[in-house]
């Protein structure tokens, strides 16, 4: 086993053993302001069926283990978003999900995924995502569908006129 593989396995084991006495440190700016550099996280194993939109999940991406917000899910893929990088979207597959963030410690203060603050940030992030991406995409798709229907009825009228029908 090579050194790189051993480090990867050790990192995954740390994730599996995460608890209030054995936390993980969050690195980066992607989830600011809710998660900032140095926040301590507890990541708990999670079954695929228990992952909900809005959850913060940690997953395997090459040799890194980012934590991002779930904004959409399909059968085997999670669509992820960073609260601080709204223009970037990420994806992960079922096999790469390592766990769900369930607690955060900052300056000796713990909050869990059931606390008001956590739930309010979750709700606000999802609203921001829906405003920025989901609603405009839904409107665009609805317009396309309406145009197809309109074209279809116009074509039917033209065909009927060509046959001499009076409908």
Protein backbone atom coordinates (compact mmCIF):
# COMPACT_ATOMS: atom_id res chain seq x y z
CA UNK A 1 0.00 0.00 0.00
CA UNK A 2 1.36 3.39 -0.98
CA UNK A 3 1.65 6.31 1.43
CA UNK A 4 -1.07 8.30 -0.39
CA UNK A 5 -3.54 5.42 -0.15
CA UNK A 6 -2.80 4.98 3.56
CA UNK A 7 -3.45 8.69 4.20
CA UNK A 8 -6.74 8.50 2.30
CA UNK A 9 -7.89 5.49 4.32
CA UNK A 10 -6.83 7.17 7.58
CA UNK A 11 -8.78 10.30 6.66
CA UNK A 12 -11.88 8.26 5.92
CA UNK A 13 -11.53 6.46 9.26
CA UNK A 14 -11.35 9.82 11.05
CA UNK A 15 -14.63 10.75 9.38
CA UNK A 16 -16.25 7.50 10.50
CA UNK A 17 -15.07 8.02 14.07
CA UNK A 18 -16.12 11.67 14.23
CA UNK A 19 -17.74 12.73 17.51
CA UNK A 20 -17.72 15.64 19.96
CA UNK A 21 -14.45 14.32 21.36
CA UNK A 22 -12.96 13.61 17.92
CA UNK A 23 -14.00 16.42 15.60
CA UNK A 24 -12.98 17.29 12.06
CA UNK A 25 -11.73 20.72 11.10
CA UNK A 26 -13.48 22.55 8.29
CA UNK A 27 -11.12 24.14 5.77
CA UNK A 28 -11.89 26.81 3.22
CA UNK A 29 -14.35 29.57 2.47
CA UNK A 30 -16.97 27.69 0.44
CA UNK A 31 -19.64 27.47 3.15
CA UNK A 32 -19.10 30.87 4.75
CA UNK A 33 -20.64 32.30 6.91
CA UNK A 34 -22.13 29.13 8.41
CA UNK A 35 -18.89 27.16 8.27
CA UNK A 36 -15.59 29.00 8.46
CA UNK A 37 -11.97 27.93 8.47
CA UNK A 38 -11.23 26.07 11.71
CA UNK A 39 -14.81 25.21 12.70
CA UNK A 40 -14.98 21.79 14.28
CA UNK A 41 -17.52 19.40 12.74
CA UNK A 42 -19.08 16.14 13.75
CA UNK A 43 -19.88 14.07 10.66
CA UNK A 44 -22.11 11.07 11.23
CA UNK A 45 -22.56 8.16 8.84
CA UNK A 46 -25.83 8.47 6.93
CA UNK A 47 -27.89 6.06 4.86
CA UNK A 48 -28.58 7.22 1.31
CA UNK A 49 -32.33 7.18 1.93
CA UNK A 50 -31.91 9.50 4.94
CA UNK A 51 -30.15 12.30 3.03
CA UNK A 52 -32.46 15.31 2.69
CA UNK A 53 -32.32 18.44 0.61
CA UNK A 54 -30.55 21.07 2.71
CA UNK A 55 -28.29 18.59 4.52
CA UNK A 56 -24.57 19.26 4.70
CA UNK A 57 -22.78 16.18 3.50
CA UNK A 58 -19.13 15.27 3.43
CA UNK A 59 -18.02 13.22 0.46
CA UNK A 60 -14.94 11.88 -1.25
CA UNK A 61 -13.61 13.99 -4.13
CA UNK A 62 -10.21 12.72 -5.25
CA UNK A 63 -8.05 13.02 -2.10
CA UNK A 64 -10.19 15.66 -0.43
CA UNK A 65 -13.33 15.50 1.68
CA UNK A 66 -15.44 18.60 1.04
CA UNK A 67 -18.61 19.42 2.95
CA UNK A 68 -21.37 20.92 0.82
CA UNK A 69 -25.13 21.46 0.87
CA UNK A 70 -27.51 19.08 -0.92
CA UNK A 71 -29.85 21.08 -3.16
CA UNK A 72 -31.26 18.30 -5.31
CA UNK A 73 -31.10 14.53 -5.42
CA UNK A 74 -31.81 11.92 -7.99
CA UNK A 75 -31.63 8.17 -7.73
CA UNK A 76 -27.84 7.86 -7.40
CA UNK A 77 -26.55 11.45 -7.59
CA UNK A 78 -26.57 14.38 -5.19
CA UNK A 79 -26.48 17.91 -6.58
CA UNK A 80 -24.46 20.08 -4.22
CA UNK A 81 -23.99 23.78 -3.68
CA UNK A 82 -21.69 25.98 -1.63
CA UNK A 83 -23.37 28.75 0.32
CA UNK A 84 -20.49 31.15 -0.48
CA UNK A 85 -19.91 30.13 -4.12
CA UNK A 86 -23.40 30.41 -5.61
CA UNK A 87 -22.21 30.22 -9.20
CA UNK A 88 -20.58 26.83 -8.72
CA UNK A 89 -22.44 23.55 -8.50
CA UNK A 90 -21.07 20.14 -7.66
CA UNK A 91 -22.24 16.54 -7.92
CA UNK A 92 -21.41 13.35 -6.13
CA UNK A 93 -22.51 9.76 -6.40
CA UNK A 94 -23.87 7.48 -3.73
CA UNK A 95 -20.60 5.59 -3.26
CA UNK A 96 -18.65 8.74 -2.41
CA UNK A 97 -20.90 10.03 0.39
CA UNK A 98 -19.09 9.65 3.70
CA UNK A 99 -21.52 11.25 6.12
CA UNK A 100 -23.72 14.16 7.14
CA UNK A 101 -22.56 17.08 9.29
CA UNK A 102 -24.64 16.97 12.47
CA UNK A 103 -22.83 19.42 14.77
CA UNK A 104 -20.53 22.41 14.60
CA UNK A 105 -18.29 23.93 17.24
CA UNK A 106 -17.04 27.51 16.99
CA UNK A 107 -15.39 29.37 19.86
CA UNK A 108 -16.41 26.70 22.39
CA UNK A 109 -20.09 26.88 21.33
CA UNK A 110 -21.80 23.84 19.88
CA UNK A 111 -24.86 23.80 17.65
CA UNK A 112 -26.45 20.73 16.12
CA UNK A 113 -28.48 20.07 13.01
CA UNK A 114 -31.63 20.30 15.14
CA UNK A 115 -30.91 23.77 16.55
CA UNK A 116 -32.79 26.86 15.36
CA UNK A 117 -29.69 28.57 14.02
CA UNK A 118 -28.74 25.54 11.90
CA UNK A 119 -32.28 25.18 10.55
CA UNK A 120 -32.53 28.91 9.75
CA UNK A 121 -29.27 28.84 7.79
CA UNK A 122 -30.41 25.71 5.98
CA UNK A 123 -33.71 27.36 5.00
CA UNK A 124 -32.02 30.61 3.91
CA UNK A 125 -29.46 28.75 1.78
CA UNK A 126 -32.15 26.74 0.03
CA UNK A 127 -34.24 29.86 -0.64
CA UNK A 128 -31.14 31.54 -2.11
CA UNK A 129 -30.49 28.51 -4.30
CA UNK A 130 -34.10 28.35 -5.51
CA UNK A 131 -34.13 32.06 -6.32
CA UNK A 132 -30.86 31.90 -8.19
CA UNK A 133 -31.24 28.64 -10.10
CA UNK A 134 -34.32 26.52 -9.62
CA UNK A 135 -37.06 29.11 -10.17
CA UNK A 136 -35.46 30.64 -13.30
CA UNK A 137 -34.84 27.16 -14.72
CA UNK A 138 -38.44 26.15 -13.95
CA UNK A 139 -39.76 29.28 -15.67
CA UNK A 140 -37.56 28.63 -18.69
CA UNK A 141 -38.77 25.02 -18.92
CA UNK A 142 -42.41 26.11 -18.56
CA UNK A 143 -41.94 28.64 -21.37
CA UNK A 144 -40.39 25.99 -23.60
CA UNK A 145 -43.28 23.63 -22.91
CA UNK A 146 -45.81 26.38 -23.67
CA UNK A 147 -44.04 27.17 -26.94
CA UNK A 148 -44.09 23.50 -27.95
CA UNK A 149 -47.79 23.29 -27.19
CA UNK A 150 -48.42 26.51 -29.11
CA UNK A 151 -46.40 25.25 -32.10
CA UNK A 152 -48.22 21.92 -31.96
CA UNK A 153 -51.68 23.51 -32.07
CA UNK A 154 -50.57 25.89 -34.83
CA UNK A 155 -49.26 22.96 -36.89
CA UNK A 156 -52.52 21.06 -36.31
CA UNK A 157 -54.51 24.10 -37.57
CA UNK A 158 -52.28 24.39 -40.64
CA UNK A 159 -52.65 20.69 -41.43
CA UNK A 160 -56.42 20.91 -40.97
CA UNK A 161 -56.54 23.94 -43.29
CA UNK A 162 -54.47 22.07 -45.88
CA UNK A 163 -56.94 19.15 -45.76
CA UNK A 164 -59.82 21.56 -46.05
CA UNK A 165 -61.22 20.79 -42.58
CA UNK A 166 -63.17 23.50 -40.84
CA UNK A 167 -62.44 22.95 -37.16
